[in-house]
Amino acid sequence: MMKDLKKSYCSPKKENANSHTLYLKDADAFGKILSPKRIELLLHIIAIQKQKRTLGEIAEELKRKQEAVSRDVNLLAEHGLIKKIKEGQKLYLKGAYTALEIQLS
């Protein structure tokens, strides 16, 4: 189990294609990665999954600064929770999954 935990924590992208496990060392890491604003952003991206939206459009819809949304997008993408899809000059955002389940133990 520790081997699996270490592998997933260091590289969550290596997990099964239909699921994503993100192991965190402590509550501070949870708060950093899934702050209320990032959860709101992630849920919004999942909700508009069938529509193409750029980062700027999503920032406008959430009434947030584009720079702040960009930072959050980069962090969420780094952890495999959202995908950035580039088409020409435009960058679209898509949820990596259609649902989010958080388990605390």
Protein backbone atom coordinates (compact mmCIF):
# COMPACT_ATOMS: atom_id res chain seq x y z
CA MET A 1 0.00 0.00 0.00
CA MET A 2 2.81 2.44 0.81
CA LYS A 3 4.35 1.84 -2.61
CA ASP A 4 1.01 2.65 -4.28
CA LEU A 5 0.55 5.69 -2.06
CA LYS A 6 4.01 7.02 -2.87
CA LYS A 7 3.54 6.42 -6.61
CA SER A 8 0.17 8.17 -6.63
CA TYR A 9 1.33 11.09 -4.53
CA CYS A 10 4.41 11.67 -6.68
CA SER A 11 2.69 11.11 -10.02
CA PRO A 12 -1.12 10.98 -9.89
CA LYS A 13 -1.32 10.86 -13.70
CA LYS A 14 -0.19 7.21 -13.64
CA GLU A 15 -3.43 6.00 -12.05
CA ASN A 16 -6.26 4.25 -13.92
CA ALA A 17 -7.67 6.21 -16.84
CA ASN A 18 -11.22 6.25 -15.40
CA SER A 19 -10.31 7.37 -11.92
CA HIS A 20 -7.96 9.72 -10.20
CA THR A 21 -6.63 9.41 -6.71
CA LEU A 22 -4.86 12.34 -5.19
CA TYR A 23 -3.13 11.55 -1.90
CA LEU A 24 -2.23 14.51 0.27
CA LYS A 25 0.18 14.55 3.19
CA ASP A 26 -1.88 16.79 5.45
CA ALA A 27 -4.83 19.16 5.77
CA ASP A 28 -2.71 22.14 4.70
CA ALA A 29 -2.04 20.50 1.32
CA PHE A 30 -5.78 19.86 0.92
CA GLY A 31 -6.57 23.50 1.64
CA LYS A 32 -3.90 24.67 -0.79
CA ILE A 33 -5.01 22.50 -3.70
CA LEU A 34 -8.77 22.54 -3.12
CA SER A 35 -9.50 25.99 -1.75
CA PRO A 36 -13.12 27.18 -1.97
CA LYS A 37 -12.35 29.22 -5.11
CA ARG A 38 -10.61 26.27 -6.80
CA ILE A 39 -13.49 23.95 -5.96
CA GLU A 40 -15.89 26.54 -7.41
CA LEU A 41 -13.75 26.74 -10.56
CA LEU A 42 -13.52 22.97 -10.89
CA LEU A 43 -17.27 22.49 -10.42
CA HIS A 44 -17.98 25.23 -12.96
CA ILE A 45 -15.70 23.60 -15.54
CA ILE A 46 -17.37 20.23 -14.93
CA ALA A 47 -20.84 21.83 -15.25
CA ILE A 48 -20.05 23.37 -18.65
CA GLN A 49 -18.26 20.25 -19.89
CA LYS A 50 -20.12 20.14 -23.22
CA GLN A 51 -19.42 23.78 -24.05
CA LYS A 52 -16.11 25.25 -25.16
CA ARG A 53 -14.97 28.00 -22.84
CA THR A 54 -11.69 29.85 -22.73
CA LEU A 55 -9.95 30.81 -19.53
CA GLY A 56 -11.03 34.43 -20.01
CA GLU A 57 -14.67 33.46 -20.51
CA ILE A 58 -14.65 31.30 -17.39
CA ALA A 59 -13.01 34.08 -15.37
CA GLU A 60 -15.73 36.46 -16.53
CA GLU A 61 -18.51 33.98 -15.70
CA LEU A 62 -17.11 33.50 -12.19
CA LYS A 63 -16.45 37.24 -11.77
CA ARG A 64 -12.77 36.63 -10.99
CA LYS A 65 -9.56 38.11 -12.33
CA GLN A 66 -8.14 36.19 -15.25
CA GLU A 67 -4.70 36.03 -13.61
CA ALA A 68 -6.13 34.38 -10.48
CA VAL A 69 -8.10 31.86 -12.54
CA SER A 70 -4.98 31.13 -14.59
CA ARG A 71 -2.98 30.31 -11.44
CA ASP A 72 -5.77 28.05 -10.20
CA VAL A 73 -6.08 26.35 -13.59
CA ASN A 74 -2.35 25.61 -13.67
CA LEU A 75 -2.45 24.06 -10.21
CA LEU A 76 -5.55 21.96 -10.94
CA ALA A 77 -4.09 20.83 -14.27
CA GLU A 78 -0.82 19.92 -12.57
CA HIS A 79 -2.77 17.56 -10.31
CA GLY A 80 -4.73 16.07 -13.22
CA LEU A 81 -8.12 17.51 -12.29
CA ILE A 82 -8.64 19.59 -15.43
CA LYS A 83 -7.30 19.54 -18.97
CA LYS A 84 -6.11 22.41 -21.11
CA ILE A 85 -7.02 21.95 -24.76
CA LYS A 86 -5.29 24.20 -27.26
CA GLU A 87 -6.98 24.82 -30.62
CA GLY A 88 -5.05 27.30 -32.69
CA GLN A 89 -4.56 30.42 -30.61
CA LYS A 90 -7.32 29.54 -28.11
CA LEU A 91 -6.97 27.54 -24.94
CA TYR A 92 -10.08 25.75 -23.74
CA LEU A 93 -10.60 24.19 -20.33
CA LYS A 94 -12.25 20.86 -19.69
CA GLY A 95 -12.72 18.80 -16.57
CA ALA A 96 -10.69 15.62 -16.56
CA TYR A 97 -13.69 13.90 -14.93
CA THR A 98 -17.44 14.40 -14.92
CA ALA A 99 -17.70 14.17 -11.14
CA LEU A 100 -15.64 14.94 -8.09
CA GLU A 101 -15.72 12.82 -4.94
CA ILE A 102 -13.74 13.83 -1.88
CA GLN A 103 -13.12 11.31 0.87
CA LEU A 104 -11.60 12.35 4.16
CA SER A 105 -10.32 9.81 6.61
